[in-house]
Protein backbone atom coordinates (compact mmCIF):
# COMPACT_ATOMS: atom_id res chain seq x y z
CA MET A 1 -13.93 -14.35 19.90
CA THR A 2 -15.36 -17.77 19.26
CA LYS A 3 -14.73 -19.94 16.22
CA SER A 4 -18.30 -19.33 15.11
CA HIS A 5 -17.38 -15.68 14.43
CA VAL A 6 -14.25 -16.34 12.36
CA LEU A 7 -14.90 -15.93 8.64
CA TRP A 8 -11.60 -17.45 7.50
CA THR A 9 -7.96 -17.81 8.50
CA GLY A 10 -4.80 -17.85 6.46
CA ARG A 11 -1.04 -17.69 6.66
CA LEU A 12 -0.59 -14.89 4.14
CA GLY A 13 -0.05 -11.55 5.84
CA SER A 14 2.44 -8.96 6.93
CA TYR A 15 4.54 -8.35 10.00
CA VAL A 16 4.15 -4.56 9.93
CA THR A 17 1.60 -3.20 7.47
CA SER A 18 -2.21 -3.29 7.68
CA PRO A 19 -4.60 -4.06 4.82
CA VAL A 20 -7.15 -1.78 3.23
CA VAL A 21 -10.51 -3.05 1.93
CA SER A 22 -12.23 -2.06 -1.31
CA ASP A 23 -14.99 -3.71 -3.35
CA GLY A 24 -14.78 -7.00 -1.49
CA HIS A 25 -10.99 -7.31 -1.59
CA LEU A 26 -8.24 -6.81 0.98
CA TYR A 27 -5.01 -5.20 -0.26
CA TRP A 28 -1.64 -4.78 1.40
CA VAL A 29 2.06 -4.78 0.70
CA SER A 30 4.02 -6.95 3.09
CA ASP A 31 7.10 -5.69 4.86
CA ARG A 32 9.06 -7.85 2.35
CA GLY A 33 7.59 -6.04 -0.68
CA ILE A 34 4.89 -8.48 -1.77
CA ALA A 35 1.72 -6.78 -3.05
CA CYS A 36 -1.25 -8.95 -2.03
CA CYS A 37 -4.93 -9.06 -2.87
CA VAL A 38 -7.34 -11.53 -1.30
CA LYS A 39 -11.10 -11.91 -1.39
CA ALA A 40 -12.42 -10.41 1.84
CA ASP A 41 -15.19 -12.96 2.30
CA THR A 42 -13.17 -16.13 1.70
CA GLY A 43 -9.49 -15.27 2.06
CA ASP A 44 -8.81 -16.72 -1.39
CA VAL A 45 -5.63 -15.24 -2.85
CA VAL A 46 -6.29 -13.18 -5.98
CA TYR A 47 -2.69 -12.11 -6.57
CA ARG A 48 0.76 -11.91 -4.96
CA GLU A 49 3.32 -9.81 -6.82
CA ARG A 50 6.79 -8.65 -5.78
CA LEU A 51 7.52 -4.93 -5.96
CA ARG A 52 11.01 -3.49 -6.50
CA GLY A 53 11.54 -2.68 -2.87
CA ARG A 54 11.81 -5.18 -0.09
CA ARG A 55 11.17 -3.01 2.92
CA PHE A 56 7.69 -1.62 3.55
CA TYR A 57 6.56 -0.36 6.97
CA ALA A 58 3.78 1.95 5.75
CA SER A 59 0.27 0.62 5.24
CA VAL A 60 -1.30 0.97 1.81
CA VAL A 61 -3.65 3.93 1.31
CA LEU A 62 -6.59 3.85 -1.11
CA ALA A 63 -7.70 6.95 -3.05
CA ASP A 64 -9.33 7.51 -6.43
CA GLY A 65 -9.25 3.80 -7.29
CA LYS A 66 -5.52 3.62 -6.67
CA LEU A 67 -3.40 1.99 -3.97
CA PHE A 68 -0.41 3.99 -2.73
CA ALA A 69 2.38 1.94 -1.14
CA VAL A 70 5.37 3.82 0.27
CA SER A 71 8.56 1.77 0.66
CA ARG A 72 11.23 2.66 3.20
CA THR A 73 13.96 3.43 0.66
CA ASN A 74 12.67 2.77 -2.86
CA GLY A 75 9.90 5.30 -3.44
CA THR A 76 6.14 5.07 -3.77
CA PHE A 77 4.35 2.44 -5.83
CA VAL A 78 0.91 3.20 -7.26
CA LEU A 79 -1.27 0.18 -8.08
CA LYS A 80 -4.70 -0.06 -9.62
CA ALA A 81 -7.26 -1.17 -7.04
CA GLY A 82 -8.87 -4.24 -8.54
CA PRO A 83 -8.58 -8.01 -8.75
CA LYS A 84 -5.88 -7.85 -11.44
CA PHE A 85 -2.39 -6.62 -10.51
CA LYS A 86 -1.41 -3.47 -12.39
CA LEU A 87 1.49 -1.19 -11.46
CA LEU A 88 0.53 2.31 -12.58
CA ALA A 89 3.60 4.21 -11.39
CA HIS A 90 6.77 4.02 -9.32
CA ASN A 91 8.00 7.41 -8.08
CA ARG A 92 11.11 8.37 -6.14
CA PHE A 93 12.62 11.60 -4.88
CA ALA A 94 15.92 11.49 -6.77
CA ASP A 95 18.06 13.38 -4.24
CA ASP A 96 16.48 12.10 -1.03
CA ASP A 97 18.16 9.19 0.76
CA SER A 98 16.03 9.48 3.90
CA VAL A 99 13.82 6.67 5.23
CA PHE A 100 10.04 6.57 4.80
CA ASN A 101 8.06 4.66 7.44
CA ALA A 102 4.64 6.34 7.33
CA GLY A 103 1.75 5.86 4.95
CA PRO A 104 0.77 8.83 2.82
CA ALA A 105 -2.06 11.19 3.74
CA ILE A 106 -4.32 12.21 0.85
CA SER A 107 -6.65 15.19 0.99
CA GLY A 108 -7.94 17.85 -1.37
CA GLY A 109 -6.12 16.44 -4.36
CA LYS A 110 -2.77 16.52 -2.58
CA ILE A 111 -0.57 13.71 -1.26
CA LEU A 112 1.51 14.23 1.86
CA ILE A 113 4.48 11.89 2.25
CA ARG A 114 6.75 12.03 5.31
CA SER A 115 10.26 10.68 5.74
CA ASP A 116 12.48 10.75 8.79
CA ARG A 117 13.78 14.15 7.56
CA TYR A 118 11.23 15.78 5.25
CA LEU A 119 7.52 16.30 4.62
CA TYR A 120 6.48 16.49 0.98
CA CYS A 121 3.21 17.88 -0.36
CA ILE A 122 2.54 16.76 -3.92
CA GLY A 123 -0.26 18.19 -6.00
CA ASN A 124 -1.15 20.30 -8.98
CA PRO A 125 -0.78 23.99 -7.99
CA HIS A 126 -3.12 25.02 -10.82
CA LYS A 127 -6.16 23.16 -9.46
């Protein structure tokens, strides 16, 4: 790739996780637990906020206007997709001390979350 094809460069990023793009913004949670949003066209930082979990290996998943970020040992964080940081929920499986490395899969109104020991399917059984 030549320099003429590079839109922007920056030092903000993540060692493990990959970003997701929505409405002109890139979103990710770094492996150190920093939720980031940057403008996709310029790389300008919109927000950087620390989540209560410092180890994230799973990439963020976008569904229904929400960002789902699964930490290795501190549950799943649900953020509003948008240029203003808003934590909507933080959920944990109370009796599960296993490690979560994979991003969630979302389909048909259900969320599948996998740990190193279990596979969870979360959804409303009445829908």
